[in-house]
Amino acid sequence: MTSPISWLSILVIPLLVTSLFYQASNATIEVKADQALLDSICQQTEDYDFCMSTFHGDERTAVADRDGLALLSIAINTDTVEATIDQIPDILKTLTDPQDKYRIQNCLTDFSDALVQLRAAYTASSAKSYREVIGFIADVARKAVDCDAEYKKSPPIRESPISDNTLKE
């Protein structure tokens, strides 16, 4: 069974929270993303290994400070949402059931809305408006859950064809 652990909650929320406290207590000191910083952030997530591998897999991590990691996590999620949006037209072509077509079109709308919210979150994070970012990110997470729920709330119950992009087991 898939549990709704959004990729957003894994990476972004702990970064934003730590950035809020970091900004208030240490505004003039810049700390680069060393192993200790990544470890402290990823320990706050639901999937430590996923968090660490995601950051280690992106070359931008090495030059990012704490605020840069918040931007990077939003950018990584933006890339994921864009890739998902790009997959949906091809998925739609393979579907024959009108209900499945309806569902995936709703997911496309959800993900298009999420992309707008992620871009706004990136802008707000750049301005260090972290409370604003949290609101945008919460909206994005709801969109991912809404898409998955399209396939669970009424028959025929199925797994979303994009659940690998939106939810982790």
Protein backbone atom coordinates (compact mmCIF):
# COMPACT_ATOMS: atom_id res chain seq x y z
CA MET A 1 0.00 0.00 0.00
CA THR A 2 1.25 3.43 -0.85
CA SER A 3 1.48 5.96 1.91
CA PRO A 4 1.12 9.65 1.04
CA ILE A 5 4.67 10.77 1.72
CA SER A 6 4.98 13.65 -0.66
CA TRP A 7 8.38 14.38 -2.17
CA LEU A 8 7.79 17.94 -1.09
CA SER A 9 7.41 17.12 2.57
CA ILE A 10 10.56 15.03 2.46
CA LEU A 11 12.78 17.82 1.22
CA VAL A 12 11.30 21.26 1.54
CA ILE A 13 9.51 21.67 4.85
CA PRO A 14 12.49 20.84 7.12
CA LEU A 15 14.68 23.19 5.10
CA LEU A 16 12.20 26.01 5.44
CA VAL A 17 11.79 25.52 9.15
CA THR A 18 15.54 25.39 9.74
CA SER A 19 16.01 28.40 7.47
CA LEU A 20 13.49 30.38 9.49
CA PHE A 21 15.34 29.69 12.73
CA TYR A 22 18.73 30.10 11.08
CA GLN A 23 17.77 33.46 9.60
CA ALA A 24 16.59 34.76 12.96
CA SER A 25 19.58 33.56 14.96
CA ASN A 26 22.49 33.71 12.53
CA ALA A 27 21.76 36.25 9.85
CA THR A 28 25.35 37.14 9.03
CA ILE A 29 27.00 33.70 9.00
CA GLU A 30 26.83 31.63 5.82
CA VAL A 31 27.21 27.87 6.25
CA LYS A 32 27.88 25.78 3.15
CA ALA A 33 26.10 22.46 2.70
CA ASP A 34 28.64 20.16 4.27
CA GLN A 35 27.87 16.61 5.36
CA ALA A 36 26.91 17.70 8.87
CA LEU A 37 24.38 20.25 7.60
CA LEU A 38 22.85 17.80 5.13
CA ASP A 39 22.73 15.15 7.84
CA SER A 40 20.97 17.47 10.29
CA ILE A 41 18.39 18.44 7.67
CA CYS A 42 17.77 14.94 6.32
CA GLN A 43 17.38 13.51 9.83
CA GLN A 44 14.24 15.66 10.11
CA THR A 45 12.64 14.05 7.03
CA GLU A 46 10.53 10.94 6.72
CA ASP A 47 13.07 9.30 4.42
CA TYR A 48 16.66 10.10 5.37
CA ASP A 49 18.22 8.01 2.58
CA PHE A 50 16.05 9.58 -0.11
CA CYS A 51 16.85 13.05 1.17
CA MET A 52 20.61 12.40 1.27
CA SER A 53 20.72 10.72 -2.15
CA THR A 54 18.69 13.54 -3.69
CA PHE A 55 21.06 16.21 -2.44
CA HIS A 56 24.20 14.19 -3.14
CA GLY A 57 22.88 13.55 -6.65
CA ASP A 58 22.72 17.25 -7.47
CA GLU A 59 25.96 19.12 -8.11
CA ARG A 60 24.44 22.40 -6.89
CA THR A 61 24.37 21.07 -3.33
CA ALA A 62 28.11 21.54 -2.79
CA VAL A 63 27.94 25.32 -3.27
CA ALA A 64 24.63 25.93 -1.50
CA ASP A 65 24.22 27.36 1.96
CA ARG A 66 21.13 26.62 4.07
CA ASP A 67 19.01 29.12 2.14
CA GLY A 68 20.39 27.74 -1.12
CA LEU A 69 19.33 24.24 -0.08
CA ALA A 70 15.76 25.49 0.35
CA LEU A 71 15.90 26.94 -3.17
CA LEU A 72 17.50 23.77 -4.48
CA SER A 73 14.84 21.53 -2.96
CA ILE A 74 12.14 23.68 -4.55
CA ALA A 75 14.00 23.56 -7.88
CA ILE A 76 14.29 19.76 -7.70
CA ASN A 77 10.57 19.49 -7.01
CA THR A 78 9.82 21.91 -9.84
CA ASP A 79 11.80 19.64 -12.18
CA THR A 80 9.80 16.63 -10.95
CA VAL A 81 6.47 18.39 -11.48
CA GLU A 82 7.50 19.56 -14.95
CA ALA A 83 8.58 16.02 -15.90
CA THR A 84 5.25 14.67 -14.63
CA ILE A 85 3.30 17.25 -16.63
CA ASP A 86 5.31 16.29 -19.71
CA GLN A 87 4.41 12.59 -19.22
CA ILE A 88 0.67 13.09 -18.92
CA PRO A 89 -0.14 13.68 -22.63
CA ASP A 90 1.56 10.38 -23.53
CA ILE A 91 -0.28 8.58 -20.74
CA LEU A 92 -3.55 10.12 -21.91
CA LYS A 93 -3.01 8.69 -25.41
CA THR A 94 -2.84 5.16 -24.00
CA LEU A 95 -6.05 5.38 -21.98
CA THR A 96 -9.36 4.08 -23.25
CA ASP A 97 -11.57 4.31 -20.15
CA PRO A 98 -13.34 7.71 -20.00
CA GLN A 99 -13.00 7.72 -16.19
CA ASP A 100 -9.24 7.23 -16.43
CA LYS A 101 -9.01 10.04 -18.99
CA TYR A 102 -11.00 12.31 -16.71
CA ARG A 103 -8.79 11.46 -13.75
CA ILE A 104 -5.49 12.06 -15.51
CA GLN A 105 -6.79 15.35 -16.92
CA ASN A 106 -7.64 16.41 -13.37
CA CYS A 107 -4.11 15.44 -12.37
CA LEU A 108 -2.75 17.56 -15.20
CA THR A 109 -4.73 20.51 -13.85
CA ASP A 110 -3.49 19.79 -10.31
CA PHE A 111 0.12 19.59 -11.45
CA SER A 112 -0.14 22.70 -13.60
CA ASP A 113 -1.46 24.55 -10.55
CA ALA A 114 1.32 23.03 -8.45
CA LEU A 115 3.92 24.28 -10.90
CA VAL A 116 2.63 27.83 -10.53
CA GLN A 117 2.78 27.45 -6.74
CA LEU A 118 6.32 26.05 -6.86
CA ARG A 119 7.50 28.99 -8.95
CA ALA A 120 5.91 31.34 -6.43
CA ALA A 121 7.58 29.39 -3.60
CA TYR A 122 10.95 29.76 -5.31
CA THR A 123 10.46 33.51 -5.64
CA ALA A 124 9.36 33.80 -2.01
CA SER A 125 12.28 31.66 -0.86
CA SER A 126 14.69 33.85 -2.83
CA ALA A 127 13.29 36.80 -0.90
CA LYS A 128 13.60 34.77 2.34
CA SER A 129 9.84 35.00 2.90
CA TYR A 130 9.72 31.54 4.42
CA ARG A 131 6.27 31.74 5.97
CA GLU A 132 4.93 32.50 2.51
CA VAL A 133 6.90 29.58 1.08
CA ILE A 134 5.36 27.18 3.58
CA GLY A 135 1.89 28.15 2.37
CA PHE A 136 2.83 27.61 -1.27
CA ILE A 137 4.46 24.27 -0.52
CA ALA A 138 1.46 23.09 1.49
CA ASP A 139 -0.75 23.89 -1.50
CA VAL A 140 1.58 21.93 -3.80
CA ALA A 141 1.55 18.92 -1.49
CA ARG A 142 -2.26 18.99 -1.45
CA LYS A 143 -2.28 18.94 -5.26
CA ALA A 144 -0.16 15.76 -5.32
CA VAL A 145 -2.45 14.12 -2.77
CA ASP A 146 -5.55 15.30 -4.70
CA CYS A 147 -4.24 13.66 -7.86
CA ASP A 148 -3.66 10.37 -6.08
CA ALA A 149 -7.10 10.62 -4.47
CA GLU A 150 -8.71 10.83 -7.93
CA TYR A 151 -7.89 7.13 -8.26
CA LYS A 152 -9.00 6.11 -4.77
CA LYS A 153 -12.30 7.89 -4.14
CA SER A 154 -14.59 6.14 -6.59
CA PRO A 155 -14.68 2.94 -8.65
CA PRO A 156 -12.84 1.69 -10.44
CA ILE A 157 -10.18 2.04 -7.76
CA ARG A 158 -6.74 2.09 -9.36
CA GLU A 159 -3.24 3.33 -8.79
CA SER A 160 -2.48 6.62 -10.45
CA PRO A 161 -0.21 6.16 -13.48
CA ILE A 162 1.97 8.95 -12.10
CA SER A 163 2.07 7.81 -8.46
CA ASP A 164 5.77 6.95 -8.80
CA ASN A 165 6.36 10.66 -9.35
CA THR A 166 4.12 11.88 -6.54
CA LEU A 167 4.21 9.38 -3.71
CA LYS A 168 6.84 7.18 -2.11
CA GLU A 169 6.21 3.75 -0.64
